[in-house]
Amino acid sequence: RDRAGLIQLADVLDGRHTHDARTLAA
C-alpha cells in the first residue's frame, strides 16, 4: 500500500521512451 512509491515509479517510467514504460506507468 505504498502509494508514494507507485507514483514515484510511474513518474520515472514516464521519462522512459518505450511502449513498455508507458504501459507500466499506467
PDB file of all heavy atoms in Angstrom:
ATOM      1  N   ARG A   1       0.834  -1.205   0.000  1.00  0.00           N
ATOM      2  CA  ARG A   1       0.000   0.000   0.000  1.00  0.00           C
ATOM      3  C   ARG A   1       0.872   1.259   0.000  1.00  0.00           C
ATOM      4  O   ARG A   1       0.577   2.255   0.644  1.00  0.00           O
ATOM      5  CB  ARG A   1      -0.998  -0.009   1.155  1.00  0.00           C
ATOM      6  CG  ARG A   1      -1.944  -1.210   1.074  1.00  0.00           C
ATOM      7  CD  ARG A   1      -3.078  -1.166   2.060  1.00  0.00           C
ATOM      8  NE  ARG A   1      -4.021  -0.102   1.833  1.00  0.00           N
ATOM      9  CZ  ARG A   1      -4.998  -0.100   0.914  1.00  0.00           C
ATOM     10  NH1 ARG A   1      -5.152  -1.102   0.117  1.00  0.00           N
ATOM     11  NH2 ARG A   1      -5.829   0.920   0.821  1.00  0.00           N
ATOM     12  N   ASP A   2       1.958   1.190  -0.765  1.00  0.00           N
ATOM     13  CA  ASP A   2       2.917   2.292  -0.871  1.00  0.00           C
ATOM     14  C   ASP A   2       2.537   3.172  -2.054  1.00  0.00           C
ATOM     15  O   ASP A   2       3.112   3.083  -3.138  1.00  0.00           O
ATOM     16  CB  ASP A   2       4.327   1.727  -1.031  1.00  0.00           C
ATOM     17  CG  ASP A   2       5.399   2.814  -1.027  1.00  0.00           C
ATOM     18  OD1 ASP A   2       5.057   4.016  -1.088  1.00  0.00           O
ATOM     19  OD2 ASP A   2       6.583   2.446  -0.980  1.00  0.00           O
ATOM     20  N   ARG A   3       1.578   4.053  -1.835  1.00  0.00           N
ATOM     21  CA  ARG A   3       1.078   4.920  -2.899  1.00  0.00           C
ATOM     22  C   ARG A   3       2.178   5.840  -3.422  1.00  0.00           C
ATOM     23  O   ARG A   3       2.325   6.029  -4.623  1.00  0.00           O
ATOM     24  CB  ARG A   3      -0.102   5.734  -2.378  1.00  0.00           C
ATOM     25  CG  ARG A   3      -0.751   6.591  -3.429  1.00  0.00           C
ATOM     26  CD  ARG A   3      -1.859   7.453  -2.826  1.00  0.00           C
ATOM     27  NE  ARG A   3      -2.570   8.146  -3.875  1.00  0.00           N
ATOM     28  CZ  ARG A   3      -2.079   9.164  -4.572  1.00  0.00           C
ATOM     29  NH1 ARG A   3      -0.868   9.604  -4.338  1.00  0.00           N
ATOM     30  NH2 ARG A   3      -2.802   9.735  -5.509  1.00  0.00           N
ATOM     31  N   ALA A   4       2.957   6.406  -2.520  1.00  0.00           N
ATOM     32  CA  ALA A   4       4.025   7.327  -2.934  1.00  0.00           C
ATOM     33  C   ALA A   4       5.047   6.603  -3.808  1.00  0.00           C
ATOM     34  O   ALA A   4       5.520   7.156  -4.805  1.00  0.00           O
ATOM     35  CB  ALA A   4       4.697   7.942  -1.715  1.00  0.00           C
ATOM     36  N   GLY A   5       5.393   5.383  -3.446  1.00  0.00           N
ATOM     37  CA  GLY A   5       6.330   4.610  -4.245  1.00  0.00           C
ATOM     38  C   GLY A   5       5.799   4.321  -5.638  1.00  0.00           C
ATOM     39  O   GLY A   5       6.544   4.364  -6.625  1.00  0.00           O
ATOM     40  N   LEU A   6       4.508   4.031  -5.727  1.00  0.00           N
ATOM     41  CA  LEU A   6       3.891   3.777  -7.032  1.00  0.00           C
ATOM     42  C   LEU A   6       3.912   5.018  -7.914  1.00  0.00           C
ATOM     43  O   LEU A   6       4.221   4.940  -9.103  1.00  0.00           O
ATOM     44  CB  LEU A   6       2.457   3.275  -6.854  1.00  0.00           C
ATOM     45  CG  LEU A   6       2.329   1.838  -6.361  1.00  0.00           C
ATOM     46  CD1 LEU A   6       0.950   1.585  -5.797  1.00  0.00           C
ATOM     47  CD2 LEU A   6       2.652   0.874  -7.496  1.00  0.00           C
ATOM     48  N   ILE A   7       3.579   6.159  -7.334  1.00  0.00           N
ATOM     49  CA  ILE A   7       3.580   7.411  -8.104  1.00  0.00           C
ATOM     50  C   ILE A   7       4.999   7.754  -8.532  1.00  0.00           C
ATOM     51  O   ILE A   7       5.232   8.176  -9.677  1.00  0.00           O
ATOM     52  CB  ILE A   7       2.940   8.559  -7.293  1.00  0.00           C
ATOM     53  CG1 ILE A   7       1.457   8.251  -7.019  1.00  0.00           C
ATOM     54  CG2 ILE A   7       3.093   9.891  -8.012  1.00  0.00           C
ATOM     55  CD1 ILE A   7       0.614   8.041  -8.258  1.00  0.00           C
ATOM     56  N   GLN A   8       5.971   7.549  -7.647  1.00  0.00           N
ATOM     57  CA  GLN A   8       7.365   7.823  -7.999  1.00  0.00           C
ATOM     58  C   GLN A   8       7.818   6.910  -9.139  1.00  0.00           C
ATOM     59  O   GLN A   8       8.456   7.358 -10.092  1.00  0.00           O
ATOM     60  CB  GLN A   8       8.257   7.635  -6.782  1.00  0.00           C
ATOM     61  CG  GLN A   8       9.706   7.956  -7.060  1.00  0.00           C
ATOM     62  CD  GLN A   8      10.572   7.794  -5.824  1.00  0.00           C
ATOM     63  OE1 GLN A   8      10.170   7.188  -4.840  1.00  0.00           O
ATOM     64  NE2 GLN A   8      11.767   8.350  -5.874  1.00  0.00           N
ATOM     65  N   LEU A   9       7.474   5.627  -9.060  1.00  0.00           N
ATOM     66  CA  LEU A   9       7.835   4.699 -10.122  1.00  0.00           C
ATOM     67  C   LEU A   9       7.169   5.112 -11.437  1.00  0.00           C
ATOM     68  O   LEU A   9       7.804   5.102 -12.496  1.00  0.00           O
ATOM     69  CB  LEU A   9       7.440   3.269  -9.745  1.00  0.00           C
ATOM     70  CG  LEU A   9       7.735   2.184 -10.779  1.00  0.00           C
ATOM     71  CD1 LEU A   9       9.224   2.136 -11.117  1.00  0.00           C
ATOM     72  CD2 LEU A   9       7.244   0.838 -10.275  1.00  0.00           C
ATOM     73  N   ALA A  10       5.904   5.487 -11.385  1.00  0.00           N
ATOM     74  CA  ALA A  10       5.197   5.928 -12.599  1.00  0.00           C
ATOM     75  C   ALA A  10       5.874   7.155 -13.210  1.00  0.00           C
ATOM     76  O   ALA A  10       6.035   7.236 -14.429  1.00  0.00           O
ATOM     77  CB  ALA A  10       3.734   6.219 -12.282  1.00  0.00           C
ATOM     78  N   ASP A  11       6.285   8.097 -12.357  1.00  0.00           N
ATOM     79  CA  ASP A  11       6.961   9.294 -12.861  1.00  0.00           C
ATOM     80  C   ASP A  11       8.287   8.946 -13.533  1.00  0.00           C
ATOM     81  O   ASP A  11       8.624   9.503 -14.577  1.00  0.00           O
ATOM     82  CB  ASP A  11       7.192  10.297 -11.728  1.00  0.00           C
ATOM     83  CG  ASP A  11       5.900  10.948 -11.242  1.00  0.00           C
ATOM     84  OD1 ASP A  11       4.869  10.847 -11.955  1.00  0.00           O
ATOM     85  OD2 ASP A  11       5.922  11.534 -10.147  1.00  0.00           O
ATOM     86  N   VAL A  12       9.036   8.025 -12.943  1.00  0.00           N
ATOM     87  CA  VAL A  12      10.308   7.597 -13.543  1.00  0.00           C
ATOM     88  C   VAL A  12      10.038   6.914 -14.879  1.00  0.00           C
ATOM     89  O   VAL A  12      10.713   7.175 -15.885  1.00  0.00           O
ATOM     90  CB  VAL A  12      11.076   6.655 -12.588  1.00  0.00           C
ATOM     91  CG1 VAL A  12      12.228   5.970 -13.301  1.00  0.00           C
ATOM     92  CG2 VAL A  12      11.572   7.430 -11.371  1.00  0.00           C
ATOM     93  N   LEU A  13       9.043   6.044 -14.914  1.00  0.00           N
ATOM     94  CA  LEU A  13       8.727   5.330 -16.149  1.00  0.00           C
ATOM     95  C   LEU A  13       8.239   6.282 -17.238  1.00  0.00           C
ATOM     96  O   LEU A  13       8.474   6.050 -18.422  1.00  0.00           O
ATOM     97  CB  LEU A  13       7.689   4.239 -15.881  1.00  0.00           C
ATOM     98  CG  LEU A  13       8.207   3.055 -15.059  1.00  0.00           C
ATOM     99  CD1 LEU A  13       7.053   2.209 -14.559  1.00  0.00           C
ATOM    100  CD2 LEU A  13       9.194   2.232 -15.860  1.00  0.00           C
ATOM    101  N   ASP A  14       7.559   7.353 -16.842  1.00  0.00           N
ATOM    102  CA  ASP A  14       7.117   8.356 -17.819  1.00  0.00           C
ATOM    103  C   ASP A  14       8.300   8.977 -18.557  1.00  0.00           C
ATOM    104  O   ASP A  14       8.161   9.416 -19.694  1.00  0.00           O
ATOM    105  CB  ASP A  14       6.307   9.465 -17.137  1.00  0.00           C
ATOM    106  CG  ASP A  14       4.867   9.062 -16.884  1.00  0.00           C
ATOM    107  OD1 ASP A  14       4.383   8.117 -17.542  1.00  0.00           O
ATOM    108  OD2 ASP A  14       4.232   9.692 -16.021  1.00  0.00           O
ATOM    109  N   GLY A  15       9.457   8.997 -17.905  1.00  0.00           N
ATOM    110  CA  GLY A  15      10.645   9.565 -18.528  1.00  0.00           C
ATOM    111  C   GLY A  15      11.315   8.639 -19.522  1.00  0.00           C
ATOM    112  O   GLY A  15      12.205   9.054 -20.267  1.00  0.00           O
ATOM    113  N   ARG A  16      10.897   7.396 -19.539  1.00  0.00           N
ATOM    114  CA  ARG A  16      11.462   6.427 -20.490  1.00  0.00           C
ATOM    115  C   ARG A  16      10.660   6.511 -21.782  1.00  0.00           C
ATOM    116  O   ARG A  16       9.474   6.825 -21.782  1.00  0.00           O
ATOM    117  CB  ARG A  16      11.374   5.002 -19.934  1.00  0.00           C
ATOM    118  CG  ARG A  16      12.007   4.815 -18.586  1.00  0.00           C
ATOM    119  CD  ARG A  16      13.523   4.701 -18.726  1.00  0.00           C
ATOM    120  NE  ARG A  16      14.204   4.752 -17.463  1.00  0.00           N
ATOM    121  CZ  ARG A  16      14.589   3.703 -16.776  1.00  0.00           C
ATOM    122  NH1 ARG A  16      14.330   2.498 -17.206  1.00  0.00           N
ATOM    123  NH2 ARG A  16      15.228   3.863 -15.643  1.00  0.00           N
ATOM    124  N   HIS A  17      11.286   6.202 -22.887  1.00  0.00           N
ATOM    125  CA  HIS A  17      10.619   6.349 -24.178  1.00  0.00           C
ATOM    126  C   HIS A  17      10.377   5.004 -24.851  1.00  0.00           C
ATOM    127  O   HIS A  17      10.702   4.813 -26.016  1.00  0.00           O
ATOM    128  CB  HIS A  17      11.442   7.269 -25.091  1.00  0.00           C
ATOM    129  CG  HIS A  17      11.617   8.632 -24.491  1.00  0.00           C
ATOM    130  ND1 HIS A  17      10.582   9.523 -24.360  1.00  0.00           N
ATOM    131  CD2 HIS A  17      12.697   9.233 -23.950  1.00  0.00           C
ATOM    132  CE1 HIS A  17      11.019  10.629 -23.782  1.00  0.00           C
ATOM    133  NE2 HIS A  17      12.301  10.478 -23.516  1.00  0.00           N
ATOM    134  N   THR A  18       9.792   4.082 -24.107  1.00  0.00           N
ATOM    135  CA  THR A  18       9.447   2.782 -24.680  1.00  0.00           C
ATOM    136  C   THR A  18       7.967   2.527 -24.447  1.00  0.00           C
ATOM    137  O   THR A  18       7.358   3.085 -23.534  1.00  0.00           O
ATOM    138  CB  THR A  18      10.254   1.635 -24.047  1.00  0.00           C
ATOM    139  OG1 THR A  18       9.852   1.493 -22.678  1.00  0.00           O
ATOM    140  CG2 THR A  18      11.753   1.895 -24.113  1.00  0.00           C
ATOM    141  N   HIS A  19       7.405   1.669 -25.267  1.00  0.00           N
ATOM    142  CA  HIS A  19       5.998   1.314 -25.105  1.00  0.00           C
ATOM    143  C   HIS A  19       5.773   0.650 -23.752  1.00  0.00           C
ATOM    144  O   HIS A  19       4.794   0.931 -23.067  1.00  0.00           O
ATOM    145  CB  HIS A  19       5.546   0.388 -26.238  1.00  0.00           C
ATOM    146  CG  HIS A  19       4.155  -0.113 -26.056  1.00  0.00           C
ATOM    147  ND1 HIS A  19       3.059   0.702 -26.206  1.00  0.00           N
ATOM    148  CD2 HIS A  19       3.682  -1.337 -25.695  1.00  0.00           C
ATOM    149  CE1 HIS A  19       1.956   0.005 -25.960  1.00  0.00           C
ATOM    150  NE2 HIS A  19       2.319  -1.241 -25.652  1.00  0.00           N
ATOM    151  N   ASP A  20       6.684  -0.240 -23.368  1.00  0.00           N
ATOM    152  CA  ASP A  20       6.552  -0.922 -22.085  1.00  0.00           C
ATOM    153  C   ASP A  20       6.531   0.068 -20.922  1.00  0.00           C
ATOM    154  O   ASP A  20       5.784  -0.112 -19.959  1.00  0.00           O
ATOM    155  CB  ASP A  20       7.687  -1.928 -21.878  1.00  0.00           C
ATOM    156  CG  ASP A  20       7.557  -3.148 -22.774  1.00  0.00           C
ATOM    157  OD1 ASP A  20       6.454  -3.390 -23.307  1.00  0.00           O
ATOM    158  OD2 ASP A  20       8.562  -3.870 -22.931  1.00  0.00           O
ATOM    159  N   ALA A  21       7.355   1.101 -21.005  1.00  0.00           N
ATOM    160  CA  ALA A  21       7.409   2.083 -19.923  1.00  0.00           C
ATOM    161  C   ALA A  21       6.071   2.802 -19.770  1.00  0.00           C
ATOM    162  O   ALA A  21       5.599   3.005 -18.652  1.00  0.00           O
ATOM    163  CB  ALA A  21       8.528   3.087 -20.169  1.00  0.00           C
ATOM    164  N   ARG A  22       5.456   3.165 -20.875  1.00  0.00           N
ATOM    165  CA  ARG A  22       4.143   3.832 -20.801  1.00  0.00           C
ATOM    166  C   ARG A  22       3.102   2.895 -20.194  1.00  0.00           C
ATOM    167  O   ARG A  22       2.285   3.305 -19.375  1.00  0.00           O
ATOM    168  CB  ARG A  22       3.720   4.313 -22.177  1.00  0.00           C
ATOM    169  CG  ARG A  22       4.497   5.527 -22.669  1.00  0.00           C
ATOM    170  CD  ARG A  22       3.896   6.131 -23.937  1.00  0.00           C
ATOM    171  NE  ARG A  22       3.899   5.189 -25.053  1.00  0.00           N
ATOM    172  CZ  ARG A  22       4.917   5.023 -25.910  1.00  0.00           C
ATOM    173  NH1 ARG A  22       6.008   5.747 -25.771  1.00  0.00           N
ATOM    174  NH2 ARG A  22       4.828   4.168 -26.901  1.00  0.00           N
ATOM    175  N   THR A  23       3.133   1.637 -20.612  1.00  0.00           N
ATOM    176  CA  THR A  23       2.193   0.646 -20.084  1.00  0.00           C
ATOM    177  C   THR A  23       2.409   0.446 -18.589  1.00  0.00           C
ATOM    178  O   THR A  23       1.450   0.418 -17.809  1.00  0.00           O
ATOM    179  CB  THR A  23       2.364  -0.694 -20.826  1.00  0.00           C
ATOM    180  OG1 THR A  23       2.120  -0.483 -22.213  1.00  0.00           O
ATOM    181  CG2 THR A  23       1.422  -1.749 -20.298  1.00  0.00           C
ATOM    182  N   LEU A  24       3.671   0.311 -18.193  1.00  0.00           N
ATOM    183  CA  LEU A  24       3.989   0.111 -16.781  1.00  0.00           C
ATOM    184  C   LEU A  24       3.618   1.335 -15.940  1.00  0.00           C
ATOM    185  O   LEU A  24       3.127   1.194 -14.820  1.00  0.00           O
ATOM    186  CB  LEU A  24       5.470  -0.221 -16.623  1.00  0.00           C
ATOM    187  CG  LEU A  24       5.883  -1.601 -17.125  1.00  0.00           C
ATOM    188  CD1 LEU A  24       7.390  -1.673 -17.274  1.00  0.00           C
ATOM    189  CD2 LEU A  24       5.360  -2.690 -16.210  1.00  0.00           C
ATOM    190  N   ALA A  25       3.851   2.533 -16.458  1.00  0.00           N
ATOM    191  CA  ALA A  25       3.481   3.750 -15.733  1.00  0.00           C
ATOM    192  C   ALA A  25       1.973   3.783 -15.500  1.00  0.00           C
ATOM    193  O   ALA A  25       1.510   4.129 -14.408  1.00  0.00           O
ATOM    194  CB  ALA A  25       3.934   4.985 -16.499  1.00  0.00           C
ATOM    195  N   ALA A  26       1.197   3.400 -16.505  1.00  0.00           N
ATOM    196  CA  ALA A  26      -0.265   3.345 -16.353  1.00  0.00           C
ATOM    197  C   ALA A  26      -0.656   2.304 -15.309  1.00  0.00           C
ATOM    198  O   ALA A  26      -1.564   2.537 -14.496  1.00  0.00           O
ATOM    199  CB  ALA A  26      -0.923   3.044 -17.698  1.00  0.00           C
TER     200      ALA A  26
END
